[in-house]
PDB file of N, CA and C in Angstrom:
ATOM      1  N   UNK A   1      26.185  31.969 -10.047  1.00  0.00           N
ATOM      2  CA  UNK A   1      25.722  30.690 -10.324  1.00  0.00           C
ATOM      3  C   UNK A   1      24.543  30.485  -9.393  1.00  0.00           C
ATOM      4  N   UNK A   2      23.544  30.192 -10.015  1.00  0.00           N
ATOM      5  CA  UNK A   2      22.274  29.725  -9.097  1.00  0.00           C
ATOM      6  C   UNK A   2      21.771  28.274  -9.469  1.00  0.00           C
ATOM      7  N   UNK A   3      21.287  27.541  -8.391  1.00  0.00           N
ATOM      8  CA  UNK A   3      20.750  26.371  -8.612  1.00  0.00           C
ATOM      9  C   UNK A   3      19.316  26.495  -8.178  1.00  0.00           C
ATOM     10  N   UNK A   4      18.485  25.997  -9.056  1.00  0.00           N
ATOM     11  CA  UNK A   4      17.044  26.230  -9.165  1.00  0.00           C
ATOM     12  C   UNK A   4      16.340  24.851  -9.224  1.00  0.00           C
ATOM     13  N   UNK A   5      15.587  24.375  -8.232  1.00  0.00           N
ATOM     14  CA  UNK A   5      14.850  23.193  -8.249  1.00  0.00           C
ATOM     15  C   UNK A   5      13.505  23.403  -7.539  1.00  0.00           C
ATOM     16  N   UNK A   6      12.699  22.438  -7.774  1.00  0.00           N
ATOM     17  CA  UNK A   6      11.280  22.503  -7.234  1.00  0.00           C
ATOM     18  C   UNK A   6      11.416  21.365  -5.958  1.00  0.00           C
ATOM     19  N   UNK A   7      10.988  22.217  -4.833  1.00  0.00           N
ATOM     20  CA  UNK A   7      10.961  21.237  -3.627  1.00  0.00           C
ATOM     21  C   UNK A   7       9.573  21.249  -3.107  1.00  0.00           C
ATOM     22  N   UNK A   8       9.127  20.069  -2.722  1.00  0.00           N
ATOM     23  CA  UNK A   8       7.799  19.931  -2.280  1.00  0.00           C
ATOM     24  C   UNK A   8       7.517  20.532  -0.794  1.00  0.00           C
ATOM     25  N   UNK A   9       6.618  20.991  -0.530  1.00  0.00           N
ATOM     26  CA  UNK A   9       6.370  21.576   0.805  1.00  0.00           C
ATOM     27  C   UNK A   9       6.635  20.631   1.896  1.00  0.00           C
ATOM     28  N   UNK A  10       7.131  20.858   3.082  1.00  0.00           N
ATOM     29  CA  UNK A  10       7.418  20.107   4.059  1.00  0.00           C
ATOM     30  C   UNK A  10       6.194  19.629   4.984  1.00  0.00           C
ATOM     31  N   UNK A  11       6.171  18.345   5.527  1.00  0.00           N
ATOM     32  CA  UNK A  11       4.867  18.230   6.359  1.00  0.00           C
ATOM     33  C   UNK A  11       5.053  19.014   7.648  1.00  0.00           C
ATOM     34  N   UNK A  12       3.851  19.037   8.214  1.00  0.00           N
ATOM     35  CA  UNK A  12       3.689  19.833   9.350  1.00  0.00           C
ATOM     36  C   UNK A  12       2.952  18.780  10.637  1.00  0.00           C
ATOM     37  N   UNK A  13       3.706  18.779  11.662  1.00  0.00           N
ATOM     38  CA  UNK A  13       3.187  17.911  12.691  1.00  0.00           C
ATOM     39  C   UNK A  13       1.838  18.523  13.089  1.00  0.00           C
ATOM     40  N   UNK A  14       0.848  17.779  13.215  1.00  0.00           N
ATOM     41  CA  UNK A  14      -0.482  18.229  13.561  1.00  0.00           C
ATOM     42  C   UNK A  14      -0.924  17.530  14.980  1.00  0.00           C
ATOM     43  N   UNK A  15      -0.427  16.410  15.288  1.00  0.00           N
ATOM     44  CA  UNK A  15      -0.811  15.635  16.734  1.00  0.00           C
ATOM     45  C   UNK A  15       0.509  14.878  16.849  1.00  0.00           C
ATOM     46  N   UNK A  16       0.562  14.531  18.151  1.00  0.00           N
ATOM     47  CA  UNK A  16       1.490  13.659  18.709  1.00  0.00           C
ATOM     48  C   UNK A  16       1.178  13.342  20.009  1.00  0.00           C
ATOM     49  N   UNK A  17       1.627  11.990  20.493  1.00  0.00           N
ATOM     50  CA  UNK A  17       1.200  11.797  21.798  1.00  0.00           C
ATOM     51  C   UNK A  17       1.551  10.360  22.217  1.00  0.00           C
ATOM     52  N   UNK A  18       1.327   9.810  23.239  1.00  0.00           N
ATOM     53  CA  UNK A  18       1.663   8.237  23.708  1.00  0.00           C
ATOM     54  C   UNK A  18       0.328   7.807  24.057  1.00  0.00           C
ATOM     55  N   UNK A  19       0.251   6.492  23.661  1.00  0.00           N
ATOM     56  CA  UNK A  19      -0.914   5.721  23.866  1.00  0.00           C
ATOM     57  C   UNK A  19      -0.416   4.248  24.744  1.00  0.00           C
ATOM     58  N   UNK A  20      -1.363   3.990  25.380  1.00  0.00           N
ATOM     59  CA  UNK A  20      -1.345   2.590  26.210  1.00  0.00           C
ATOM     60  C   UNK A  20      -2.492   1.769  25.721  1.00  0.00           C
ATOM     61  N   UNK A  21      -2.373   0.783  25.120  1.00  0.00           N
ATOM     62  CA  UNK A  21      -3.463  -0.078  24.940  1.00  0.00           C
ATOM     63  C   UNK A  21      -3.206  -1.399  26.100  1.00  0.00           C
ATOM     64  N   UNK A  22      -4.427  -1.739  26.539  1.00  0.00           N
ATOM     65  CA  UNK A  22      -4.413  -2.840  27.538  1.00  0.00           C
ATOM     66  C   UNK A  22      -4.822  -4.049  26.878  1.00  0.00           C
ATOM     67  N   UNK A  23      -4.665  -5.279  27.380  1.00  0.00           N
ATOM     68  CA  UNK A  23      -5.130  -6.378  26.819  1.00  0.00           C
ATOM     69  C   UNK A  23      -6.447  -6.441  26.323  1.00  0.00           C
ATOM     70  N   UNK A  24      -6.636  -6.838  25.050  1.00  0.00           N
ATOM     71  CA  UNK A  24      -8.097  -6.743  24.571  1.00  0.00           C
ATOM     72  C   UNK A  24      -8.372  -5.480  23.749  1.00  0.00           C
ATOM     73  N   UNK A  25      -7.442  -4.618  23.850  1.00  0.00           N
ATOM     74  CA  UNK A  25      -7.585  -3.271  23.002  1.00  0.00           C
ATOM     75  C   UNK A  25      -7.348  -3.498  21.683  1.00  0.00           C
ATOM     76  N   UNK A  26      -8.047  -2.833  20.717  1.00  0.00           N
ATOM     77  CA  UNK A  26      -7.730  -3.047  19.316  1.00  0.00           C
ATOM     78  C   UNK A  26      -7.590  -1.598  18.695  1.00  0.00           C
ATOM     79  N   UNK A  27      -6.648  -1.384  17.780  1.00  0.00           N
ATOM     80  CA  UNK A  27      -6.367  -0.189  17.020  1.00  0.00           C
ATOM     81  C   UNK A  27      -7.429   0.179  16.262  1.00  0.00           C
ATOM     82  N   UNK A  28      -7.882   1.444  16.263  1.00  0.00           N
ATOM     83  CA  UNK A  28      -9.036   1.986  15.428  1.00  0.00           C
ATOM     84  C   UNK A  28      -9.021   1.691  13.866  1.00  0.00           C
ATOM     85  N   UNK A  29     -10.174   1.592  13.259  1.00  0.00           N
ATOM     86  CA  UNK A  29     -10.164   1.500  11.821  1.00  0.00           C
ATOM     87  C   UNK A  29     -10.273   2.821  11.211  1.00  0.00           C
ATOM     88  N   UNK A  30      -9.496   3.197  10.299  1.00  0.00           N
ATOM     89  CA  UNK A  30      -9.573   4.503   9.781  1.00  0.00           C
ATOM     90  C   UNK A  30      -8.890   4.933   8.439  1.00  0.00           C
ATOM     91  N   UNK A  31      -9.158   5.837   7.887  1.00  0.00           N
ATOM     92  CA  UNK A  31      -8.572   6.375   6.667  1.00  0.00           C
ATOM     93  C   UNK A  31      -8.144   7.827   6.949  1.00  0.00           C
ATOM     94  N   UNK A  32      -6.910   8.218   6.878  1.00  0.00           N
ATOM     95  CA  UNK A  32      -6.369   9.528   7.407  1.00  0.00           C
ATOM     96  C   UNK A  32      -6.049  10.323   6.023  1.00  0.00           C
ATOM     97  N   UNK A  33      -6.978  11.225   5.613  1.00  0.00           N
ATOM     98  CA  UNK A  33      -6.637  11.863   4.278  1.00  0.00           C
ATOM     99  C   UNK A  33      -5.513  12.953   4.489  1.00  0.00           C
ATOM    100  N   UNK A  34      -4.709  13.019   3.685  1.00  0.00           N
ATOM    101  CA  UNK A  34      -3.526  13.961   3.578  1.00  0.00           C
ATOM    102  C   UNK A  34      -2.665  13.932   4.713  1.00  0.00           C
ATOM    103  N   UNK A  35      -2.613  12.788   5.544  1.00  0.00           N
ATOM    104  CA  UNK A  35      -1.573  12.789   6.755  1.00  0.00           C
ATOM    105  C   UNK A  35      -0.850  11.488   6.630  1.00  0.00           C
ATOM    106  N   UNK A  36       0.410  11.559   7.081  1.00  0.00           N
ATOM    107  CA  UNK A  36       0.984  10.430   7.354  1.00  0.00           C
ATOM    108  C   UNK A  36       1.187  10.018   8.891  1.00  0.00           C
ATOM    109  N   UNK A  37       1.035   8.851   9.343  1.00  0.00           N
ATOM    110  CA  UNK A  37       1.278   8.480  10.707  1.00  0.00           C
ATOM    111  C   UNK A  37       2.327   7.637  10.977  1.00  0.00           C
ATOM    112  N   UNK A  38       3.141   8.173  11.898  1.00  0.00           N
ATOM    113  CA  UNK A  38       4.455   7.460  12.362  1.00  0.00           C
ATOM    114  C   UNK A  38       3.954   6.766  13.700  1.00  0.00           C
ATOM    115  N   UNK A  39       4.156   5.326  13.926  1.00  0.00           N
ATOM    116  CA  UNK A  39       3.897   4.744  14.993  1.00  0.00           C
ATOM    117  C   UNK A  39       5.256   4.152  15.608  1.00  0.00           C
ATOM    118  N   UNK A  40       5.448   4.338  16.691  1.00  0.00           N
ATOM    119  CA  UNK A  40       6.768   3.712  17.247  1.00  0.00           C
ATOM    120  C   UNK A  40       6.368   3.032  18.645  1.00  0.00           C
ATOM    121  N   UNK A  41       6.683   1.800  18.700  1.00  0.00           N
ATOM    122  CA  UNK A  41       6.278   0.820  19.752  1.00  0.00           C
ATOM    123  C   UNK A  41       7.303   0.875  20.837  1.00  0.00           C
ATOM    124  N   UNK A  42       7.152   1.052  22.088  1.00  0.00           N
ATOM    125  CA  UNK A  42       8.091   1.033  23.273  1.00  0.00           C
ATOM    126  C   UNK A  42       7.768  -0.089  24.189  1.00  0.00           C
ATOM    127  N   UNK A  43       6.697  -0.725  24.008  1.00  0.00           N
ATOM    128  CA  UNK A  43       6.541  -1.970  24.935  1.00  0.00           C
ATOM    129  C   UNK A  43       5.431  -2.787  24.412  1.00  0.00           C
ATOM    130  N   UNK A  44       5.402  -3.943  24.352  1.00  0.00           N
ATOM    131  CA  UNK A  44       4.335  -4.879  24.017  1.00  0.00           C
ATOM    132  C   UNK A  44       4.339  -5.278  22.495  1.00  0.00           C
ATOM    133  N   UNK A  45       3.158  -5.406  21.911  1.00  0.00           N
ATOM    134  CA  UNK A  45       2.988  -5.748  20.373  1.00  0.00           C
ATOM    135  C   UNK A  45       1.754  -4.973  19.973  1.00  0.00           C
ATOM    136  N   UNK A  46       1.831  -4.441  18.824  1.00  0.00           N
ATOM    137  CA  UNK A  46       0.571  -3.889  18.070  1.00  0.00           C
ATOM    138  C   UNK A  46       0.400  -4.388  16.885  1.00  0.00           C
ATOM    139  N   UNK A  47      -0.831  -5.041  16.474  1.00  0.00           N
ATOM    140  CA  UNK A  47      -1.234  -5.850  15.440  1.00  0.00           C
ATOM    141  C   UNK A  47      -1.876  -4.704  14.403  1.00  0.00           C
ATOM    142  N   UNK A  48      -1.320  -4.331  13.266  1.00  0.00           N
ATOM    143  CA  UNK A  48      -1.900  -3.392  12.312  1.00  0.00           C
ATOM    144  C   UNK A  48      -1.939  -4.047  11.035  1.00  0.00           C
ATOM    145  N   UNK A  49      -3.072  -3.719  10.258  1.00  0.00           N
ATOM    146  CA  UNK A  49      -3.077  -4.154   8.890  1.00  0.00           C
ATOM    147  C   UNK A  49      -3.292  -2.729   8.016  1.00  0.00           C
ATOM    148  N   UNK A  50      -2.689  -2.630   6.968  1.00  0.00           N
ATOM    149  CA  UNK A  50      -2.633  -1.591   5.962  1.00  0.00           C
ATOM    150  C   UNK A  50      -2.688  -2.115   4.577  1.00  0.00           C
ATOM    151  N   UNK A  51      -3.672  -1.851   3.951  1.00  0.00           N
ATOM    152  CA  UNK A  51      -3.982  -2.430   2.453  1.00  0.00           C
ATOM    153  C   UNK A  51      -3.666  -3.905   2.481  1.00  0.00           C
ATOM    154  N   UNK A  52      -4.308  -4.693   3.294  1.00  0.00           N
ATOM    155  CA  UNK A  52      -4.052  -6.208   3.490  1.00  0.00           C
ATOM    156  C   UNK A  52      -2.904  -6.602   3.843  1.00  0.00           C
ATOM    157  N   UNK A  53      -1.840  -5.803   3.981  1.00  0.00           N
ATOM    158  CA  UNK A  53      -0.535  -6.122   4.583  1.00  0.00           C
ATOM    159  C   UNK A  53      -0.575  -6.129   6.132  1.00  0.00           C
ATOM    160  N   UNK A  54      -0.407  -7.240   6.673  1.00  0.00           N
ATOM    161  CA  UNK A  54      -0.387  -7.428   8.387  1.00  0.00           C
ATOM    162  C   UNK A  54       1.104  -7.075   8.810  1.00  0.00           C
ATOM    163  N   UNK A  55       1.060  -6.434   9.878  1.00  0.00           N
ATOM    164  CA  UNK A  55       2.251  -6.024  10.606  1.00  0.00           C
ATOM    165  C   UNK A  55       2.104  -6.369  11.940  1.00  0.00           C
ATOM    166  N   UNK A  56       3.129  -7.052  12.774  1.00  0.00           N
ATOM    167  CA  UNK A  56       3.153  -6.930  14.127  1.00  0.00           C
ATOM    168  C   UNK A  56       4.374  -6.104  14.648  1.00  0.00           C
ATOM    169  N   UNK A  57       4.079  -4.959  15.213  1.00  0.00           N
ATOM    170  CA  UNK A  57       5.135  -4.099  15.550  1.00  0.00           C
ATOM    171  C   UNK A  57       5.440  -4.397  17.085  1.00  0.00           C
ATOM    172  N   UNK A  58       6.773  -4.647  17.308  1.00  0.00           N
ATOM    173  CA  UNK A  58       7.188  -4.855  18.766  1.00  0.00           C
ATOM    174  C   UNK A  58       8.140  -3.834  19.280  1.00  0.00           C
ATOM    175  N   UNK A  59       8.555  -3.931  20.405  1.00  0.00           N
ATOM    176  CA  UNK A  59       9.248  -2.948  21.075  1.00  0.00           C
ATOM    177  C   UNK A  59      10.550  -2.491  20.092  1.00  0.00           C
ATOM    178  N   UNK A  60      10.604  -1.095  20.083  1.00  0.00           N
ATOM    179  CA  UNK A  60      11.626  -0.558  19.139  1.00  0.00           C
ATOM    180  C   UNK A  60      11.384  -0.717  17.704  1.00  0.00           C
ATOM    181  N   UNK A  61      10.311  -1.002  17.286  1.00  0.00           N
ATOM    182  CA  UNK A  61      10.006  -0.993  15.746  1.00  0.00           C
ATOM    183  C   UNK A  61       9.136   0.164  15.529  1.00  0.00           C
ATOM    184  N   UNK A  62       8.920   0.515  14.421  1.00  0.00           N
ATOM    185  CA  UNK A  62       8.002   1.579  13.889  1.00  0.00           C
ATOM    186  C   UNK A  62       7.309   1.249  12.509  1.00  0.00           C
ATOM    187  N   UNK A  63       6.292   2.014  12.172  1.00  0.00           N
ATOM    188  CA  UNK A  63       5.677   1.834  10.857  1.00  0.00           C
ATOM    189  C   UNK A  63       5.399   3.391  10.490  1.00  0.00           C
ATOM    190  N   UNK A  64       5.270   3.686   9.312  1.00  0.00           N
ATOM    191  CA  UNK A  64       4.942   4.982   8.583  1.00  0.00           C
ATOM    192  C   UNK A  64       3.687   4.514   7.708  1.00  0.00           C
ATOM    193  N   UNK A  65       2.626   5.080   8.160  1.00  0.00           N
ATOM    194  CA  UNK A  65       1.423   4.813   7.381  1.00  0.00           C
ATOM    195  C   UNK A  65       1.060   5.887   6.533  1.00  0.00           C
ATOM    196  N   UNK A  66       1.031   5.684   4.987  1.00  0.00           N
ATOM    197  CA  UNK A  66       0.883   6.606   4.213  1.00  0.00           C
ATOM    198  C   UNK A  66      -0.669   7.328   4.180  1.00  0.00           C
ATOM    199  N   UNK A  67      -0.842   8.474   3.610  1.00  0.00           N
ATOM    200  CA  UNK A  67      -2.098   9.027   3.638  1.00  0.00           C
ATOM    201  C   UNK A  67      -3.189   8.239   2.628  1.00  0.00           C
ATOM    202  N   UNK A  68      -4.501   8.258   3.036  1.00  0.00           N
ATOM    203  CA  UNK A  68      -5.432   7.951   2.109  1.00  0.00           C
ATOM    204  C   UNK A  68      -5.588   6.382   1.887  1.00  0.00           C
ATOM    205  N   UNK A  69      -5.107   5.696   2.861  1.00  0.00           N
ATOM    206  CA  UNK A  69      -5.154   4.247   2.753  1.00  0.00           C
ATOM    207  C   UNK A  69      -5.808   3.641   4.214  1.00  0.00           C
ATOM    208  N   UNK A  70      -6.569   2.653   4.260  1.00  0.00           N
ATOM    209  CA  UNK A  70      -7.295   2.109   5.296  1.00  0.00           C
ATOM    210  C   UNK A  70      -6.259   1.394   6.107  1.00  0.00           C
ATOM    211  N   UNK A  71      -6.218   1.782   7.399  1.00  0.00           N
ATOM    212  CA  UNK A  71      -5.385   0.868   8.221  1.00  0.00           C
ATOM    213  C   UNK A  71      -6.088   0.703   9.592  1.00  0.00           C
ATOM    214  N   UNK A  72      -5.897  -0.407  10.044  1.00  0.00           N
ATOM    215  CA  UNK A  72      -6.646  -0.956  11.278  1.00  0.00           C
ATOM    216  C   UNK A  72      -6.121  -2.224  11.924  1.00  0.00           C
ATOM    217  N   UNK A  73      -6.504  -2.212  13.261  1.00  0.00           N
ATOM    218  CA  UNK A  73      -5.846  -3.308  14.063  1.00  0.00           C
ATOM    219  C   UNK A  73      -6.562  -4.545  13.417  1.00  0.00           C
ATOM    220  N   UNK A  74      -5.822  -5.698  13.450  1.00  0.00           N
ATOM    221  CA  UNK A  74      -6.418  -6.919  12.964  1.00  0.00           C
ATOM    222  C   UNK A  74      -6.458  -7.976  14.041  1.00  0.00           C
ATOM    223  N   UNK A  75      -5.956  -7.675  15.228  1.00  0.00           N
ATOM    224  CA  UNK A  75      -5.798  -8.498  16.386  1.00  0.00           C
ATOM    225  C   UNK A  75      -5.906  -7.772  17.593  1.00  0.00           C
ATOM    226  N   UNK A  76      -6.537  -8.149  18.520  1.00  0.00           N
ATOM    227  CA  UNK A  76      -6.586  -7.273  19.905  1.00  0.00           C
ATOM    228  C   UNK A  76      -5.189  -7.339  20.591  1.00  0.00           C
ATOM    229  N   UNK A  77      -4.702  -6.627  21.343  1.00  0.00           N
ATOM    230  CA  UNK A  77      -3.499  -6.759  22.223  1.00  0.00           C
ATOM    231  C   UNK A  77      -3.456  -7.879  23.143  1.00  0.00           C
ATOM    232  N   UNK A  78      -2.400  -8.731  23.120  1.00  0.00           N
ATOM    233  CA  UNK A  78      -2.329  -9.821  23.966  1.00  0.00           C
ATOM    234  C   UNK A  78      -1.479  -9.551  25.126  1.00  0.00           C
ATOM    235  N   UNK A  79      -1.001  -8.298  25.164  1.00  0.00           N
ATOM    236  CA  UNK A  79      -0.150  -7.832  26.485  1.00  0.00           C
ATOM    237  C   UNK A  79      -0.246  -6.119  26.407  1.00  0.00           C
ATOM    238  N   UNK A  80      -0.017  -5.597  27.445  1.00  0.00           N
ATOM    239  CA  UNK A  80      -0.039  -4.178  27.610  1.00  0.00           C
ATOM    240  C   UNK A  80       0.921  -3.556  26.538  1.00  0.00           C
ATOM    241  N   UNK A  81       0.682  -2.540  25.809  1.00  0.00           N
ATOM    242  CA  UNK A  81       1.332  -2.187  24.656  1.00  0.00           C
ATOM    243  C   UNK A  81       1.334  -0.612  24.692  1.00  0.00           C
ATOM    244  N   UNK A  82       2.520  -0.100  24.581  1.00  0.00           N
ATOM    245  CA  UNK A  82       2.761   1.414  24.617  1.00  0.00           C
ATOM    246  C   UNK A  82       3.329   1.803  23.325  1.00  0.00           C
ATOM    247  N   UNK A  83       2.840   2.930  22.772  1.00  0.00           N
ATOM    248  CA  UNK A  83       3.479   3.405  21.502  1.00  0.00           C
ATOM    249  C   UNK A  83       3.242   4.908  21.359  1.00  0.00           C
ATOM    250  N   UNK A  84       4.169   5.416  20.654  1.00  0.00           N
ATOM    251  CA  UNK A  84       4.117   6.825  20.516  1.00  0.00           C
ATOM    252  C   UNK A  84       3.549   7.044  18.870  1.00  0.00           C
ATOM    253  N   UNK A  85       2.675   8.093  18.652  1.00  0.00           N
ATOM    254  CA  UNK A  85       2.292   8.445  17.558  1.00  0.00           C
ATOM    255  C   UNK A  85       2.343   9.901  17.238  1.00  0.00           C
ATOM    256  N   UNK A  86       2.767   9.996  15.891  1.00  0.00           N
ATOM    257  CA  UNK A  86       2.856  11.440  15.319  1.00  0.00           C
ATOM    258  C   UNK A  86       2.224  11.250  14.060  1.00  0.00           C
ATOM    259  N   UNK A  87       1.430  12.393  13.897  1.00  0.00           N
ATOM    260  CA  UNK A  87       0.643  12.537  12.614  1.00  0.00           C
ATOM    261  C   UNK A  87       1.128  13.887  11.977  1.00  0.00           C
ATOM    262  N   UNK A  88       1.496  13.682  10.688  1.00  0.00           N
ATOM    263  CA  UNK A  88       1.970  14.846  10.062  1.00  0.00           C
ATOM    264  C   UNK A  88       1.034  15.176   8.792  1.00  0.00           C
ATOM    265  N   UNK A  89       0.593  16.478   8.562  1.00  0.00           N
ATOM    266  CA  UNK A  89      -0.069  16.798   7.600  1.00  0.00           C
ATOM    267  C   UNK A  89       0.834  17.185   6.377  1.00  0.00           C
ATOM    268  N   UNK A  90       0.469  16.715   5.140  1.00  0.00           N
ATOM    269  CA  UNK A  90       1.243  17.141   4.168  1.00  0.00           C
ATOM    270  C   UNK A  90       0.428  17.651   2.907  1.00  0.00           C
ATOM    271  N   UNK A  91       0.824  18.751   2.561  1.00  0.00           N
ATOM    272  CA  UNK A  91       0.220  19.513   1.418  1.00  0.00           C
ATOM    273  C   UNK A  91       0.699  19.114  -0.006  1.00  0.00           C
ATOM    274  N   UNK A  92      -0.030  18.554  -0.797  1.00  0.00           N
ATOM    275  CA  UNK A  92       0.315  18.071  -1.952  1.00  0.00           C
ATOM    276  C   UNK A  92       0.561  19.241  -3.086  1.00  0.00           C
TER     277      UNK A  92
END
């Protein structure tokens, strides 16, 4: 007996790291083609907007940003903010 099904290719990690935003820093405005971004906040608050939806990410919260959509900071950090970022390339 065989089970056959179509499985999409798995995403590949292309970059990851930790960022520190100081008071007054603002997240970049960008569109990331063919990549998902995972942002996990470990301290402070990060103000992000994606497709006109605004988010306030606080310590212990995360957001996954899908590819090919504009995301940006909509408000400067009002306290020191640390977060981890992982970007995954996905082949369609």
